[in-house]
Structures are given as structure tokens and as C-alpha cells.
């Protein structure tokens, strides 16, 4: 991370940086020594991120030269597997309740009533 140059618009202000990292005293001492050994005057505003500008220029150039093409989204190829049957659960539940008899009683409930009567 130390050797990665960042442009001024990409560097977080100290107040925006999370302070959740745990650093040992030895790590902090080593980091300070490393930074001091590489210390020099550096002004991030002197460096410009030209990647975005260059990319935009190249895209505009391709459009101007009609070097563009459309991206057609194709349906994924069928793998030949059968599709699952989708059923209407509410319709199946209603049909089951209608089959079970009056007032939605199940066969088991009707049997237990018959036993109680006997």
C-alpha cells in the first residue's frame, strides 16, 4: 500500500477514514522508519489521473470513426433438462379441503368422532 500512488481526489480525509485497525508498537515503529526513509516533498495535485480522460477520448474516437457495434443479449442455451412443473398451491389446498368432507374435517377427525360416538 505504501508504494501505491493515489491521486488527490482518491485520498480520504483523516476524518473520513475508519480507525478500526489494530497496530502493534513494533509495526508502528517500522512503518514510521519506512516512511521517513522515503520522505520527500510530494504534492498530489501535481499528478493528474489521465486514465479516465484517455479512455473517454478513445471511446469518442471509436464513435466518430464508426468502429462501434451493438451488444445483443442472447438467451442462454438450453441444457436439455426438463423444466419443473409449477403448481398453484392455493388451488391445490382448496381442492384438498373440498375432498376432506364437510367443514374441512379430515378422515382422521371423522374416525375419532365415530369412535367417541360408539
Protein backbone atom coordinates (compact mmCIF):
# COMPACT_ATOMS: atom_id res chain seq x y z
CA UNK A 1 0.00 0.00 0.00
CA UNK A 2 2.82 2.38 0.77
CA UNK A 3 4.16 2.31 -2.77
CA UNK A 4 0.77 2.88 -4.38
CA UNK A 5 0.42 6.48 -5.53
CA UNK A 6 -3.06 7.91 -5.13
CA UNK A 7 -4.49 10.95 -6.84
CA UNK A 8 -5.77 13.80 -4.68
CA UNK A 9 -9.45 13.06 -5.43
CA UNK A 10 -9.00 9.42 -4.31
CA UNK A 11 -7.39 10.09 -0.90
CA UNK A 12 -9.78 10.15 2.06
CA UNK A 13 -9.59 12.93 4.58
CA UNK A 14 -8.42 11.79 8.02
CA UNK A 15 -11.90 12.35 9.45
CA UNK A 16 -13.41 10.02 6.80
CA UNK A 17 -11.03 7.12 7.43
CA UNK A 18 -12.19 4.30 9.71
CA UNK A 19 -9.98 3.79 12.75
CA UNK A 20 -10.73 0.12 13.39
CA UNK A 21 -7.26 -1.25 12.62
CA UNK A 22 -5.18 -2.65 15.49
CA UNK A 23 -1.49 -1.83 15.13
CA UNK A 24 1.23 -3.09 17.44
CA UNK A 25 4.00 -0.81 18.67
CA UNK A 26 6.60 -2.70 16.60
CA UNK A 27 4.51 -2.31 13.43
CA UNK A 28 4.04 1.39 14.06
CA UNK A 29 7.80 1.90 14.64
CA UNK A 30 8.67 0.01 11.44
CA UNK A 31 6.07 1.96 9.43
CA UNK A 32 7.43 5.29 10.70
CA UNK A 33 11.00 4.29 9.77
CA UNK A 34 9.91 3.20 6.30
CA UNK A 35 8.00 6.41 5.67
CA UNK A 36 10.91 8.54 6.94
CA UNK A 37 13.33 6.72 4.63
CA UNK A 38 11.12 7.52 1.63
CA UNK A 39 10.17 11.01 2.76
CA UNK A 40 10.33 13.84 0.29
CA UNK A 41 8.23 16.69 -0.97
CA UNK A 42 5.15 15.36 -2.69
CA UNK A 43 2.13 17.32 -3.84
CA UNK A 44 -0.66 15.06 -5.08
CA UNK A 45 -2.22 17.89 -7.10
CA UNK A 46 0.82 17.91 -9.39
CA UNK A 47 -0.15 14.45 -10.65
CA UNK A 48 -3.16 14.03 -12.88
CA UNK A 49 -5.14 10.85 -13.41
CA UNK A 50 -5.18 10.67 -17.21
CA UNK A 51 -6.72 7.18 -17.47
CA UNK A 52 -10.32 8.40 -17.49
CA UNK A 53 -9.58 11.23 -19.90
CA UNK A 54 -7.69 8.90 -22.25
CA UNK A 55 -10.45 6.28 -22.11
CA UNK A 56 -13.16 8.85 -22.85
CA UNK A 57 -11.10 10.23 -25.75
CA UNK A 58 -10.67 6.72 -27.18
CA UNK A 59 -14.39 5.95 -26.90
CA UNK A 60 -15.28 9.22 -28.65
CA UNK A 61 -12.73 8.42 -31.36
CA UNK A 62 -14.32 5.00 -31.95
CA UNK A 63 -17.78 6.58 -32.17
CA UNK A 64 -16.53 9.21 -34.63
CA UNK A 65 -14.86 6.52 -36.80
CA UNK A 66 -17.97 4.29 -36.61
CA UNK A 67 -15.96 1.48 -35.00
CA UNK A 68 -18.81 0.58 -32.67
CA UNK A 69 -21.13 -2.39 -32.57
CA UNK A 70 -24.19 -3.30 -30.57
CA UNK A 71 -24.15 -5.92 -27.89
CA UNK A 72 -27.04 -8.31 -28.42
CA UNK A 73 -28.06 -10.23 -25.35
CA UNK A 74 -28.70 -13.83 -26.30
CA UNK A 75 -30.82 -16.26 -24.36
CA UNK A 76 -28.71 -18.87 -22.58
CA UNK A 77 -28.54 -22.15 -24.43
CA UNK A 78 -30.96 -24.77 -23.18
CA UNK A 79 -29.21 -27.61 -21.42
CA UNK A 80 -31.92 -30.10 -22.39
CA UNK A 81 -33.09 -30.67 -18.83
CA UNK A 82 -36.84 -30.83 -18.29
CA UNK A 83 -38.35 -27.84 -16.56
CA UNK A 84 -40.00 -28.21 -13.18
CA UNK A 85 -43.79 -28.25 -13.09
CA UNK A 86 -45.14 -25.25 -11.22
CA UNK A 87 -48.42 -25.78 -9.40
CA UNK A 88 -50.85 -23.34 -7.83
CA UNK A 89 -50.58 -24.12 -4.13
CA UNK A 90 -53.77 -22.27 -3.17
CA UNK A 91 -55.81 -24.19 -5.75
CA UNK A 92 -54.30 -27.48 -4.53
CA UNK A 93 -55.10 -26.59 -0.91
CA UNK A 94 -58.70 -25.66 -1.75
CA UNK A 95 -59.17 -28.90 -3.70
CA UNK A 96 -57.74 -30.88 -0.78
CA UNK A 97 -60.10 -29.17 1.69
CA UNK A 98 -63.08 -29.84 -0.57
CA UNK A 99 -62.14 -33.54 -0.76
CA UNK A 100 -61.83 -33.85 3.02
CA UNK A 101 -65.56 -33.55 3.59
CA UNK A 102 -67.95 -31.21 5.36
CA UNK A 103 -66.48 -28.34 7.40
CA UNK A 104 -62.99 -29.37 6.29
CA UNK A 105 -62.81 -32.41 8.53
CA UNK A 106 -60.15 -34.94 7.72
CA UNK A 107 -60.68 -38.68 7.63
CA UNK A 108 -58.81 -38.99 10.92
CA UNK A 109 -61.08 -36.42 12.60
CA UNK A 110 -64.19 -38.22 11.30
CA UNK A 111 -62.82 -41.55 12.61
CA UNK A 112 -62.16 -40.14 16.07
CA UNK A 113 -65.72 -38.71 16.17
CA UNK A 114 -67.11 -42.11 15.14
CA UNK A 115 -65.12 -43.78 17.95
CA UNK A 116 -66.40 -41.30 20.52
CA UNK A 117 -69.98 -42.00 19.48
CA UNK A 118 -69.52 -45.76 19.77
